[in-house]
């Protein structure tokens, strides 16, 4: 199985970075966006000035707004905000994507009302297509620059996994395969919430000790919740769990960390989102993951305080203090 005509759906920073990577592996890559002016500018300047201004894009990366391009795709990447995944999948399915095309989910989150993961949402519209997921500690800015990185690819079937592993690999980019699709997706979604908490701790100047403790306990909580929701415990110690958690909680590139930092510095959620100017998946995902945790009655103290800050207007300092005032427990619990 080889791929010659990938189409990346979503012309934001992550979609552009993935399209850039694939353009070095394939004769031609199409980047499907919604803004005609942005698509024209990408094709003329080979730069996505809004979302990835420091990256020079390959000439065989072609931006378009013509959704019919998906009819010729053999690999279709979904790199849209999680809130738009269902509507995007339904729209593209109606156009006639080939049943042989591999669909790759690259967005991290779960749906609010249904609690479904992104691959499950895509499968609702594409029941016959092979579907896989890609996740890991990857910031678009670094991938576009060709800096070293690694991803994990979740799918069922060795042939599909090996084909995707081959196309998402070069001398500075390593890919691994894992059949725990649920665990990979859940780790990528849950860590966004904890990155907001880590940003708040930095904004409040609580110190390295507090932030290290927070992130360590976040890993325990991620593993507990992710396992309850269908993932395998060992997956959360891998790239889509611990790896993504570290990158998102500590990196200057992390949108969710920036949201938390702004909150810790006294700004409102509305101000923080407006200043960011891009989607921070941790904000809507906090609500959807919180609801999923309540349905399963999982103990999630860090998730609970982030939810309280975002949706119950609890001041950040008061919310984080609640974590330290909790009753003592064994570390293994």
C-alpha atoms as a PDB file:
ATOM      1  CA  UNK A   1       0.000   0.000   0.000  1.00  0.00           C
ATOM      2  CA  UNK A   2       1.445   3.340  -1.106  1.00  0.00           C
ATOM      3  CA  UNK A   3       0.067   6.881  -1.124  1.00  0.00           C
ATOM      4  CA  UNK A   4       0.482   9.250  -4.056  1.00  0.00           C
ATOM      5  CA  UNK A   5      -2.309  11.789  -3.630  1.00  0.00           C
ATOM      6  CA  UNK A   6      -2.797  12.854  -0.004  1.00  0.00           C
ATOM      7  CA  UNK A   7      -5.316  15.550   0.848  1.00  0.00           C
ATOM      8  CA  UNK A   8      -5.054  17.395   4.148  1.00  0.00           C
ATOM      9  CA  UNK A   9      -8.377  18.834   5.329  1.00  0.00           C
ATOM     10  CA  UNK A  10      -7.740  21.890   7.473  1.00  0.00           C
ATOM     11  CA  UNK A  11      -5.330  24.699   6.632  1.00  0.00           C
ATOM     12  CA  UNK A  12      -4.421  25.711  10.182  1.00  0.00           C
ATOM     13  CA  UNK A  13      -0.949  25.338  11.647  1.00  0.00           C
ATOM     14  CA  UNK A  14      -1.072  21.570  12.244  1.00  0.00           C
ATOM     15  CA  UNK A  15      -2.676  20.810   8.885  1.00  0.00           C
ATOM     16  CA  UNK A  16      -0.107  22.969   7.110  1.00  0.00           C
ATOM     17  CA  UNK A  17       2.763  21.293   8.970  1.00  0.00           C
ATOM     18  CA  UNK A  18       1.527  17.803   8.086  1.00  0.00           C
ATOM     19  CA  UNK A  19       1.001  18.799   4.460  1.00  0.00           C
ATOM     20  CA  UNK A  20       4.544  20.181   4.400  1.00  0.00           C
ATOM     21  CA  UNK A  21       5.905  16.900   5.737  1.00  0.00           C
ATOM     22  CA  UNK A  22       3.964  14.834   3.203  1.00  0.00           C
ATOM     23  CA  UNK A  23       5.054  17.081   0.330  1.00  0.00           C
ATOM     24  CA  UNK A  24       8.594  15.827   0.870  1.00  0.00           C
ATOM     25  CA  UNK A  25       7.362  12.245   0.502  1.00  0.00           C
ATOM     26  CA  UNK A  26       4.730  12.504  -2.254  1.00  0.00           C
ATOM     27  CA  UNK A  27       4.627  13.988  -5.769  1.00  0.00           C
ATOM     28  CA  UNK A  28       1.813  16.353  -4.800  1.00  0.00           C
ATOM     29  CA  UNK A  29      -0.193  17.240  -1.694  1.00  0.00           C
ATOM     30  CA  UNK A  30      -3.401  19.256  -1.546  1.00  0.00           C
ATOM     31  CA  UNK A  31      -4.229  21.401   1.490  1.00  0.00           C
ATOM     32  CA  UNK A  32      -7.982  21.945   1.676  1.00  0.00           C
ATOM     33  CA  UNK A  33      -9.063  25.102   3.484  1.00  0.00           C
ATOM     34  CA  UNK A  34     -12.030  27.461   3.551  1.00  0.00           C
ATOM     35  CA  UNK A  35     -10.490  30.883   2.914  1.00  0.00           C
ATOM     36  CA  UNK A  36      -9.942  31.695  -0.804  1.00  0.00           C
ATOM     37  CA  UNK A  37      -7.550  34.553  -0.034  1.00  0.00           C
ATOM     38  CA  UNK A  38      -5.430  32.383   2.243  1.00  0.00           C
ATOM     39  CA  UNK A  39      -5.303  29.566  -0.311  1.00  0.00           C
ATOM     40  CA  UNK A  40      -4.221  31.989  -3.028  1.00  0.00           C
ATOM     41  CA  UNK A  41      -1.576  33.513  -0.777  1.00  0.00           C
ATOM     42  CA  UNK A  42      -0.169  30.073   0.103  1.00  0.00           C
ATOM     43  CA  UNK A  43       0.142  29.162  -3.566  1.00  0.00           C
ATOM     44  CA  UNK A  44       1.729  32.468  -4.516  1.00  0.00           C
ATOM     45  CA  UNK A  45       4.083  32.990  -1.559  1.00  0.00           C
ATOM     46  CA  UNK A  46       4.558  29.399  -0.317  1.00  0.00           C
ATOM     47  CA  UNK A  47       3.804  30.596   3.195  1.00  0.00           C
ATOM     48  CA  UNK A  48       0.788  30.300   5.475  1.00  0.00           C
ATOM     49  CA  UNK A  49       1.270  33.756   6.965  1.00  0.00           C
ATOM     50  CA  UNK A  50      -1.622  33.513   9.397  1.00  0.00           C
ATOM     51  CA  UNK A  51      -0.955  30.144  11.008  1.00  0.00           C
ATOM     52  CA  UNK A  52       2.650  29.186  10.263  1.00  0.00           C
ATOM     53  CA  UNK A  53       4.445  32.376   9.197  1.00  0.00           C
ATOM     54  CA  UNK A  54       8.031  31.189   9.703  1.00  0.00           C
ATOM     55  CA  UNK A  55       7.763  28.100   7.511  1.00  0.00           C
ATOM     56  CA  UNK A  56       8.569  27.987   3.801  1.00  0.00           C
ATOM     57  CA  UNK A  57       6.154  25.584   2.116  1.00  0.00           C
ATOM     58  CA  UNK A  58       7.174  23.238  -0.719  1.00  0.00           C
ATOM     59  CA  UNK A  59       6.044  24.128  -4.235  1.00  0.00           C
ATOM     60  CA  UNK A  60       4.234  20.795  -4.621  1.00  0.00           C
ATOM     61  CA  UNK A  61       1.974  21.716  -1.689  1.00  0.00           C
ATOM     62  CA  UNK A  62      -1.132  23.117  -3.368  1.00  0.00           C
ATOM     63  CA  UNK A  63      -3.754  24.954  -1.337  1.00  0.00           C
ATOM     64  CA  UNK A  64      -7.374  24.803  -2.488  1.00  0.00           C
ATOM     65  CA  UNK A  65     -10.916  25.485  -1.342  1.00  0.00           C
ATOM     66  CA  UNK A  66     -12.428  23.036  -3.852  1.00  0.00           C
ATOM     67  CA  UNK A  67     -13.847  20.208  -1.750  1.00  0.00           C
ATOM     68  CA  UNK A  68     -14.149  17.988  -4.808  1.00  0.00           C
ATOM     69  CA  UNK A  69     -10.423  17.343  -4.511  1.00  0.00           C
ATOM     70  CA  UNK A  70     -11.252  14.654  -1.922  1.00  0.00           C
ATOM     71  CA  UNK A  71     -12.722  12.499  -4.705  1.00  0.00           C
ATOM     72  CA  UNK A  72      -9.210  11.675  -5.897  1.00  0.00           C
ATOM     73  CA  UNK A  73      -7.572  11.229  -2.493  1.00  0.00           C
ATOM     74  CA  UNK A  74      -5.950   7.973  -1.466  1.00  0.00           C
ATOM     75  CA  UNK A  75      -5.050   9.369   1.967  1.00  0.00           C
ATOM     76  CA  UNK A  76      -7.325  11.908   3.639  1.00  0.00           C
ATOM     77  CA  UNK A  77      -6.148  13.661   6.801  1.00  0.00           C
ATOM     78  CA  UNK A  78      -8.750  15.246   9.083  1.00  0.00           C
ATOM     79  CA  UNK A  79      -7.019  18.198  10.756  1.00  0.00           C
ATOM     80  CA  UNK A  80      -9.974  20.411  11.659  1.00  0.00           C
ATOM     81  CA  UNK A  81     -11.135  21.606  15.098  1.00  0.00           C
ATOM     82  CA  UNK A  82     -12.796  18.764  16.950  1.00  0.00           C
ATOM     83  CA  UNK A  83     -16.085  20.665  17.050  1.00  0.00           C
ATOM     84  CA  UNK A  84     -16.099  20.640  13.230  1.00  0.00           C
ATOM     85  CA  UNK A  85     -15.121  17.003  12.690  1.00  0.00           C
ATOM     86  CA  UNK A  86     -18.635  15.607  12.412  1.00  0.00           C
ATOM     87  CA  UNK A  87     -19.957  18.258  10.013  1.00  0.00           C
ATOM     88  CA  UNK A  88     -16.782  18.026   7.916  1.00  0.00           C
ATOM     89  CA  UNK A  89     -16.977  14.239   7.700  1.00  0.00           C
ATOM     90  CA  UNK A  90     -20.643  14.351   6.715  1.00  0.00           C
ATOM     91  CA  UNK A  91     -19.996  16.947   4.020  1.00  0.00           C
ATOM     92  CA  UNK A  92     -17.044  15.101   2.497  1.00  0.00           C
ATOM     93  CA  UNK A  93     -18.814  11.741   2.598  1.00  0.00           C
ATOM     94  CA  UNK A  94     -21.609  13.219   0.509  1.00  0.00           C
ATOM     95  CA  UNK A  95     -19.086  14.211  -2.180  1.00  0.00           C
ATOM     96  CA  UNK A  96     -17.950  10.655  -2.807  1.00  0.00           C
ATOM     97  CA  UNK A  97     -14.589   9.876  -1.199  1.00  0.00           C
ATOM     98  CA  UNK A  98     -13.282   6.555  -2.582  1.00  0.00           C
ATOM     99  CA  UNK A  99     -13.940   3.626  -0.238  1.00  0.00           C
ATOM    100  CA  UNK A 100     -10.304   2.619  -0.640  1.00  0.00           C
ATOM    101  CA  UNK A 101      -9.029   5.962   0.697  1.00  0.00           C
ATOM    102  CA  UNK A 102      -7.380   5.787   4.116  1.00  0.00           C
ATOM    103  CA  UNK A 103      -8.816   8.306   6.569  1.00  0.00           C
ATOM    104  CA  UNK A 104      -6.414   9.609   9.195  1.00  0.00           C
ATOM    105  CA  UNK A 105      -7.685  11.545  12.215  1.00  0.00           C
ATOM    106  CA  UNK A 106      -5.131  14.097  13.454  1.00  0.00           C
ATOM    107  CA  UNK A 107      -7.311  16.175  15.807  1.00  0.00           C
ATOM    108  CA  UNK A 108      -7.431  15.586  19.562  1.00  0.00           C
ATOM    109  CA  UNK A 109     -10.694  15.605  21.475  1.00  0.00           C
ATOM    110  CA  UNK A 110     -13.991  13.903  22.166  1.00  0.00           C
ATOM    111  CA  UNK A 111     -17.497  14.987  21.223  1.00  0.00           C
ATOM    112  CA  UNK A 112     -19.555  16.686  23.917  1.00  0.00           C
ATOM    113  CA  UNK A 113     -22.956  15.067  23.521  1.00  0.00           C
ATOM    114  CA  UNK A 114     -21.943  11.582  22.411  1.00  0.00           C
ATOM    115  CA  UNK A 115     -18.571  11.182  24.128  1.00  0.00           C
ATOM    116  CA  UNK A 116     -17.253   9.705  20.887  1.00  0.00           C
ATOM    117  CA  UNK A 117     -13.628   9.972  19.818  1.00  0.00           C
ATOM    118  CA  UNK A 118     -12.739  11.603  16.505  1.00  0.00           C
ATOM    119  CA  UNK A 119     -12.135   8.299  14.686  1.00  0.00           C
ATOM    120  CA  UNK A 120     -15.556   7.099  15.788  1.00  0.00           C
ATOM    121  CA  UNK A 121     -17.177  10.267  14.480  1.00  0.00           C
ATOM    122  CA  UNK A 122     -15.430   9.856  11.129  1.00  0.00           C
ATOM    123  CA  UNK A 123     -16.517   6.204  10.994  1.00  0.00           C
ATOM    124  CA  UNK A 124     -20.143   7.284  11.358  1.00  0.00           C
ATOM    125  CA  UNK A 125     -19.900   8.888   7.914  1.00  0.00           C
ATOM    126  CA  UNK A 126     -17.353   6.480   6.397  1.00  0.00           C
ATOM    127  CA  UNK A 127     -18.279   2.971   7.606  1.00  0.00           C
ATOM    128  CA  UNK A 128     -16.355   1.222   4.809  1.00  0.00           C
ATOM    129  CA  UNK A 129     -13.093   3.180   4.738  1.00  0.00           C
ATOM    130  CA  UNK A 130      -9.977   2.155   6.686  1.00  0.00           C
ATOM    131  CA  UNK A 131      -9.498   4.653   9.532  1.00  0.00           C
ATOM    132  CA  UNK A 132      -6.420   5.405  11.625  1.00  0.00           C
ATOM    133  CA  UNK A 133      -5.255   8.073  14.064  1.00  0.00           C
ATOM    134  CA  UNK A 134      -2.013  10.017  14.456  1.00  0.00           C
ATOM    135  CA  UNK A 135      -0.925  11.539  17.743  1.00  0.00           C
ATOM    136  CA  UNK A 136       2.091  12.413  19.849  1.00  0.00           C
ATOM    137  CA  UNK A 137       4.176  15.285  21.235  1.00  0.00           C
ATOM    138  CA  UNK A 138       4.266  17.363  18.074  1.00  0.00           C
ATOM    139  CA  UNK A 139       4.087  21.126  17.685  1.00  0.00           C
ATOM    140  CA  UNK A 140       3.397  22.343  14.174  1.00  0.00           C
ATOM    141  CA  UNK A 141       6.095  24.998  14.334  1.00  0.00           C
ATOM    142  CA  UNK A 142       8.820  22.410  14.926  1.00  0.00           C
ATOM    143  CA  UNK A 143       7.519  19.823  12.459  1.00  0.00           C
ATOM    144  CA  UNK A 144       7.455  22.454   9.702  1.00  0.00           C
ATOM    145  CA  UNK A 145      11.101  23.299  10.477  1.00  0.00           C
ATOM    146  CA  UNK A 146      12.143  19.674  10.177  1.00  0.00           C
ATOM    147  CA  UNK A 147      13.196  19.365  13.819  1.00  0.00           C
ATOM    148  CA  UNK A 148      13.407  15.830  15.273  1.00  0.00           C
ATOM    149  CA  UNK A 149      10.106  14.343  16.454  1.00  0.00           C
ATOM    150  CA  UNK A 150       8.147  11.118  16.846  1.00  0.00           C
ATOM    151  CA  UNK A 151       4.494  10.107  16.477  1.00  0.00           C
ATOM    152  CA  UNK A 152       2.365   7.122  17.201  1.00  0.00           C
ATOM    153  CA  UNK A 153      -0.093   5.788  14.625  1.00  0.00           C
ATOM    154  CA  UNK A 154      -3.108   3.907  15.864  1.00  0.00           C
ATOM    155  CA  UNK A 155      -4.917   1.468  13.599  1.00  0.00           C
ATOM    156  CA  UNK A 156      -6.122  -2.099  13.295  1.00  0.00           C
ATOM    157  CA  UNK A 157      -4.216  -4.172  10.764  1.00  0.00           C
ATOM    158  CA  UNK A 158      -0.484  -4.546  10.205  1.00  0.00           C
ATOM    159  CA  UNK A 159      -0.537  -3.681   6.493  1.00  0.00           C
ATOM    160  CA  UNK A 160      -2.231  -0.332   7.060  1.00  0.00           C
ATOM    161  CA  UNK A 161       0.001   0.456  10.025  1.00  0.00           C
ATOM    162  CA  UNK A 162       3.156  -0.294   8.080  1.00  0.00           C
ATOM    163  CA  UNK A 163       2.032   1.831   5.117  1.00  0.00           C
ATOM    164  CA  UNK A 164       1.291   4.825   7.332  1.00  0.00           C
ATOM    165  CA  UNK A 165       4.486   4.260   9.292  1.00  0.00           C
ATOM    166  CA  UNK A 166       6.426   4.393   6.041  1.00  0.00           C
ATOM    167  CA  UNK A 167       4.958   7.647   4.776  1.00  0.00           C
ATOM    168  CA  UNK A 168       5.272   9.352   8.175  1.00  0.00           C
ATOM    169  CA  UNK A 169       8.959   8.699   8.607  1.00  0.00           C
ATOM    170  CA  UNK A 170      12.258  10.192   7.535  1.00  0.00           C
ATOM    171  CA  UNK A 171      15.733  10.589   8.989  1.00  0.00           C
ATOM    172  CA  UNK A 172      14.458  13.080  11.605  1.00  0.00           C
ATOM    173  CA  UNK A 173      10.897  11.899  12.120  1.00  0.00           C
ATOM    174  CA  UNK A 174      10.164   8.526  13.696  1.00  0.00           C
ATOM    175  CA  UNK A 175       6.779   6.839  13.738  1.00  0.00           C
ATOM    176  CA  UNK A 176       5.533   3.956  15.875  1.00  0.00           C
ATOM    177  CA  UNK A 177       2.391   1.848  15.523  1.00  0.00           C
ATOM    178  CA  UNK A 178      -0.070   0.839  18.216  1.00  0.00           C
ATOM    179  CA  UNK A 179      -3.377  -0.996  17.941  1.00  0.00           C
ATOM    180  CA  UNK A 180      -4.843   0.766  21.010  1.00  0.00           C
ATOM    181  CA  UNK A 181      -6.693   3.392  18.990  1.00  0.00           C
ATOM    182  CA  UNK A 182      -8.875   4.383  21.940  1.00  0.00           C
ATOM    183  CA  UNK A 183      -5.935   4.943  24.267  1.00  0.00           C
ATOM    184  CA  UNK A 184      -4.045   7.007  21.708  1.00  0.00           C
ATOM    185  CA  UNK A 185      -7.013   9.293  21.101  1.00  0.00           C
ATOM    186  CA  UNK A 186      -7.918   9.625  24.760  1.00  0.00           C
ATOM    187  CA  UNK A 187      -4.379  10.540  25.775  1.00  0.00           C
ATOM    188  CA  UNK A 188      -4.219  13.231  23.112  1.00  0.00           C
ATOM    189  CA  UNK A 189      -7.545  14.688  24.225  1.00  0.00           C
ATOM    190  CA  UNK A 190      -7.152  14.543  27.999  1.00  0.00           C
ATOM    191  CA  UNK A 191      -3.697  16.131  28.106  1.00  0.00           C
ATOM    192  CA  UNK A 192      -5.123  19.389  26.706  1.00  0.00           C
ATOM    193  CA  UNK A 193      -7.031  19.933  29.940  1.00  0.00           C
ATOM    194  CA  UNK A 194      -3.935  19.440  32.078  1.00  0.00           C
ATOM    195  CA  UNK A 195      -1.945  21.872  29.954  1.00  0.00           C
ATOM    196  CA  UNK A 196      -4.391  24.591  30.978  1.00  0.00           C
ATOM    197  CA  UNK A 197      -3.801  23.721  34.641  1.00  0.00           C
ATOM    198  CA  UNK A 198      -0.028  23.815  34.113  1.00  0.00           C
ATOM    199  CA  UNK A 199      -0.293  27.224  32.465  1.00  0.00           C
ATOM    200  CA  UNK A 200      -2.344  28.530  35.376  1.00  0.00           C
ATOM    201  CA  UNK A 201       0.318  27.335  37.823  1.00  0.00           C
ATOM    202  CA  UNK A 202       2.976  29.237  35.889  1.00  0.00           C
ATOM    203  CA  UNK A 203       0.779  32.328  35.697  1.00  0.00           C
ATOM    204  CA  UNK A 204       0.262  32.218  39.446  1.00  0.00           C
ATOM    205  CA  UNK A 205       4.043  31.765  39.958  1.00  0.00           C
ATOM    206  CA  UNK A 206       3.575  28.678  42.102  1.00  0.00           C
ATOM    207  CA  UNK A 207       7.064  27.423  41.282  1.00  0.00           C
ATOM    208  CA  UNK A 208       8.671  24.410  39.642  1.00  0.00           C
ATOM    209  CA  UNK A 209       7.893  22.078  42.544  1.00  0.00           C
ATOM    210  CA  UNK A 210       4.165  22.695  42.313  1.00  0.00           C
ATOM    211  CA  UNK A 211       4.085  22.434  38.521  1.00  0.00           C
ATOM    212  CA  UNK A 212       6.090  19.202  38.505  1.00  0.00           C
ATOM    213  CA  UNK A 213       3.767  17.703  41.098  1.00  0.00           C
ATOM    214  CA  UNK A 214       0.742  18.859  39.128  1.00  0.00           C
ATOM    215  CA  UNK A 215       1.902  17.286  35.864  1.00  0.00           C
ATOM    216  CA  UNK A 216       2.938  14.058  37.572  1.00  0.00           C
ATOM    217  CA  UNK A 217      -0.477  13.674  39.164  1.00  0.00           C
ATOM    218  CA  UNK A 218      -2.033  14.633  35.825  1.00  0.00           C
ATOM    219  CA  UNK A 219      -0.406  11.552  34.299  1.00  0.00           C
ATOM    220  CA  UNK A 220      -1.934   9.366  37.009  1.00  0.00           C
ATOM    221  CA  UNK A 221      -5.328  10.962  36.394  1.00  0.00           C
ATOM    222  CA  UNK A 222      -5.007  10.601  32.620  1.00  0.00           C
ATOM    223  CA  UNK A 223      -4.208   6.908  32.990  1.00  0.00           C
ATOM    224  CA  UNK A 224      -7.117   6.349  35.391  1.00  0.00           C
ATOM    225  CA  UNK A 225      -9.666   8.177  33.256  1.00  0.00           C
ATOM    226  CA  UNK A 226      -8.326   6.946  29.929  1.00  0.00           C
ATOM    227  CA  UNK A 227      -8.458   3.357  31.105  1.00  0.00           C
ATOM    228  CA  UNK A 228     -12.020   3.802  32.341  1.00  0.00           C
ATOM    229  CA  UNK A 229     -12.973   5.160  28.917  1.00  0.00           C
ATOM    230  CA  UNK A 230     -11.526   2.196  27.034  1.00  0.00           C
ATOM    231  CA  UNK A 231      -7.777   2.695  26.625  1.00  0.00           C
ATOM    232  CA  UNK A 232      -4.979   0.369  27.696  1.00  0.00           C
ATOM    233  CA  UNK A 233      -2.945   1.571  30.723  1.00  0.00           C
ATOM    234  CA  UNK A 234       0.429   1.138  29.027  1.00  0.00           C
ATOM    235  CA  UNK A 235      -0.555   3.458  26.184  1.00  0.00           C
ATOM    236  CA  UNK A 236      -0.636   6.443  28.527  1.00  0.00           C
ATOM    237  CA  UNK A 237       3.055   5.932  29.312  1.00  0.00           C
ATOM    238  CA  UNK A 238       3.829   6.374  25.605  1.00  0.00           C
ATOM    239  CA  UNK A 239       4.031   9.171  23.067  1.00  0.00           C
ATOM    240  CA  UNK A 240       0.311   9.962  22.997  1.00  0.00           C
ATOM    241  CA  UNK A 241       0.124  10.005  26.797  1.00  0.00           C
ATOM    242  CA  UNK A 242       3.190  11.010  28.773  1.00  0.00           C
ATOM    243  CA  UNK A 243       5.006  12.386  25.724  1.00  0.00           C
ATOM    244  CA  UNK A 244       2.166  14.638  24.634  1.00  0.00           C
ATOM    245  CA  UNK A 245       1.508  15.659  28.236  1.00  0.00           C
ATOM    246  CA  UNK A 246       5.083  16.887  28.693  1.00  0.00           C
ATOM    247  CA  UNK A 247       5.130  18.796  25.411  1.00  0.00           C
ATOM    248  CA  UNK A 248       1.781  20.461  25.964  1.00  0.00           C
ATOM    249  CA  UNK A 249       2.290  21.354  29.615  1.00  0.00           C
ATOM    250  CA  UNK A 250       5.722  22.925  29.232  1.00  0.00           C
ATOM    251  CA  UNK A 251       6.172  24.168  25.653  1.00  0.00           C
ATOM    252  CA  UNK A 252       5.988  27.821  24.623  1.00  0.00           C
ATOM    253  CA  UNK A 253       4.147  26.617  21.509  1.00  0.00           C
ATOM    254  CA  UNK A 254       1.253  25.096  23.490  1.00  0.00           C
ATOM    255  CA  UNK A 255      -2.031  26.924  22.923  1.00  0.00           C
ATOM    256  CA  UNK A 256      -3.628  25.344  25.979  1.00  0.00           C
ATOM    257  CA  UNK A 257      -0.694  26.332  28.177  1.00  0.00           C
ATOM    258  CA  UNK A 258      -1.065  29.901  26.893  1.00  0.00           C
ATOM    259  CA  UNK A 259      -4.741  29.913  27.849  1.00  0.00           C
ATOM    260  CA  UNK A 260      -3.896  28.754  31.360  1.00  0.00           C
ATOM    261  CA  UNK A 261      -1.044  31.243  31.666  1.00  0.00           C
ATOM    262  CA  UNK A 262      -3.402  34.096  30.782  1.00  0.00           C
ATOM    263  CA  UNK A 263      -5.943  32.892  33.337  1.00  0.00           C
ATOM    264  CA  UNK A 264      -3.273  32.681  36.014  1.00  0.00           C
ATOM    265  CA  UNK A 265      -2.236  36.234  35.210  1.00  0.00           C
ATOM    266  CA  UNK A 266      -5.749  37.470  35.928  1.00  0.00           C
ATOM    267  CA  UNK A 267      -7.291  37.586  32.467  1.00  0.00           C
ATOM    268  CA  UNK A 268     -10.754  36.275  31.726  1.00  0.00           C
ATOM    269  CA  UNK A 269     -11.293  33.204  29.571  1.00  0.00           C
ATOM    270  CA  UNK A 270     -12.779  35.413  26.875  1.00  0.00           C
ATOM    271  CA  UNK A 271      -9.693  37.639  26.890  1.00  0.00           C
ATOM    272  CA  UNK A 272      -7.356  34.646  26.800  1.00  0.00           C
ATOM    273  CA  UNK A 273      -9.129  33.064  23.820  1.00  0.00           C
ATOM    274  CA  UNK A 274      -9.302  36.369  21.940  1.00  0.00           C
ATOM    275  CA  UNK A 275      -5.590  37.043  22.441  1.00  0.00           C
ATOM    276  CA  UNK A 276      -4.666  33.549  21.269  1.00  0.00           C
ATOM    277  CA  UNK A 277      -6.561  33.998  18.012  1.00  0.00           C
ATOM    278  CA  UNK A 278      -6.612  30.244  17.342  1.00  0.00           C
ATOM    279  CA  UNK A 279      -8.484  27.219  18.639  1.00  0.00           C
ATOM    280  CA  UNK A 280      -7.245  25.840  21.962  1.00  0.00           C
ATOM    281  CA  UNK A 281      -8.873  22.405  22.086  1.00  0.00           C
ATOM    282  CA  UNK A 282      -8.513  22.190  25.865  1.00  0.00           C
ATOM    283  CA  UNK A 283     -11.302  24.718  26.376  1.00  0.00           C
ATOM    284  CA  UNK A 284     -14.167  22.782  24.732  1.00  0.00           C
ATOM    285  CA  UNK A 285     -12.542  19.448  25.588  1.00  0.00           C
ATOM    286  CA  UNK A 286     -12.627  20.251  29.294  1.00  0.00           C
ATOM    287  CA  UNK A 287     -16.405  20.227  29.131  1.00  0.00           C
ATOM    288  CA  UNK A 288     -16.726  17.088  26.998  1.00  0.00           C
ATOM    289  CA  UNK A 289     -14.143  15.131  29.009  1.00  0.00           C
ATOM    290  CA  UNK A 290     -15.678  16.300  32.288  1.00  0.00           C
ATOM    291  CA  UNK A 291     -19.073  15.001  31.159  1.00  0.00           C
ATOM    292  CA  UNK A 292     -17.516  11.696  30.073  1.00  0.00           C
ATOM    293  CA  UNK A 293     -15.810  11.341  33.467  1.00  0.00           C
ATOM    294  CA  UNK A 294     -19.069  12.006  35.292  1.00  0.00           C
ATOM    295  CA  UNK A 295     -20.880   9.361  33.266  1.00  0.00           C
ATOM    296  CA  UNK A 296     -18.257   6.845  34.369  1.00  0.00           C
ATOM    297  CA  UNK A 297     -17.939   8.221  37.908  1.00  0.00           C
ATOM    298  CA  UNK A 298     -14.139   8.452  37.591  1.00  0.00           C
ATOM    299  CA  UNK A 299     -12.205  10.431  40.207  1.00  0.00           C
ATOM    300  CA  UNK A 300     -10.672  13.425  38.373  1.00  0.00           C
ATOM    301  CA  UNK A 301      -9.585  16.187  40.788  1.00  0.00           C
ATOM    302  CA  UNK A 302      -7.417  18.137  38.307  1.00  0.00           C
ATOM    303  CA  UNK A 303     -10.024  17.967  35.565  1.00  0.00           C
ATOM    304  CA  UNK A 304     -12.608  19.131  38.091  1.00  0.00           C
ATOM    305  CA  UNK A 305     -10.691  22.273  39.049  1.00  0.00           C
ATOM    306  CA  UNK A 306     -10.015  23.182  35.407  1.00  0.00           C
ATOM    307  CA  UNK A 307     -13.729  22.782  34.709  1.00  0.00           C
ATOM    308  CA  UNK A 308     -14.467  24.980  37.718  1.00  0.00           C
ATOM    309  CA  UNK A 309     -12.155  27.717  36.403  1.00  0.00           C
ATOM    310  CA  UNK A 310     -13.502  27.657  32.861  1.00  0.00           C
ATOM    311  CA  UNK A 311     -17.199  27.028  33.378  1.00  0.00           C
ATOM    312  CA  UNK A 312     -18.039  27.877  36.971  1.00  0.00           C
ATOM    313  CA  UNK A 313     -16.017  31.115  37.224  1.00  0.00           C
ATOM    314  CA  UNK A 314     -13.965  29.869  40.177  1.00  0.00           C
ATOM    315  CA  UNK A 315     -10.834  32.090  40.511  1.00  0.00           C
ATOM    316  CA  UNK A 316      -7.674  30.213  39.395  1.00  0.00           C
ATOM    317  CA  UNK A 317      -5.823  30.612  42.716  1.00  0.00           C
ATOM    318  CA  UNK A 318      -8.801  29.263  44.643  1.00  0.00           C
ATOM    319  CA  UNK A 319      -9.288  26.396  42.196  1.00  0.00           C
ATOM    320  CA  UNK A 320      -5.693  25.158  42.400  1.00  0.00           C
ATOM    321  CA  UNK A 321      -5.678  25.541  46.169  1.00  0.00           C
ATOM    322  CA  UNK A 322      -8.470  22.971  46.257  1.00  0.00           C
ATOM    323  CA  UNK A 323      -6.007  20.366  44.990  1.00  0.00           C
ATOM    324  CA  UNK A 324      -3.681  20.884  47.949  1.00  0.00           C
ATOM    325  CA  UNK A 325      -6.498  20.899  50.494  1.00  0.00           C
ATOM    326  CA  UNK A 326      -7.759  17.465  49.456  1.00  0.00           C
ATOM    327  CA  UNK A 327      -7.581  14.578  51.910  1.00  0.00           C
ATOM    328  CA  UNK A 328      -4.292  12.588  51.902  1.00  0.00           C
ATOM    329  CA  UNK A 329      -4.155   9.485  49.711  1.00  0.00           C
ATOM    330  CA  UNK A 330      -1.733   6.754  48.721  1.00  0.00           C
ATOM    331  CA  UNK A 331       0.250   7.733  45.634  1.00  0.00           C
ATOM    332  CA  UNK A 332      -0.822   4.545  43.874  1.00  0.00           C
ATOM    333  CA  UNK A 333      -4.503   5.486  44.096  1.00  0.00           C
END
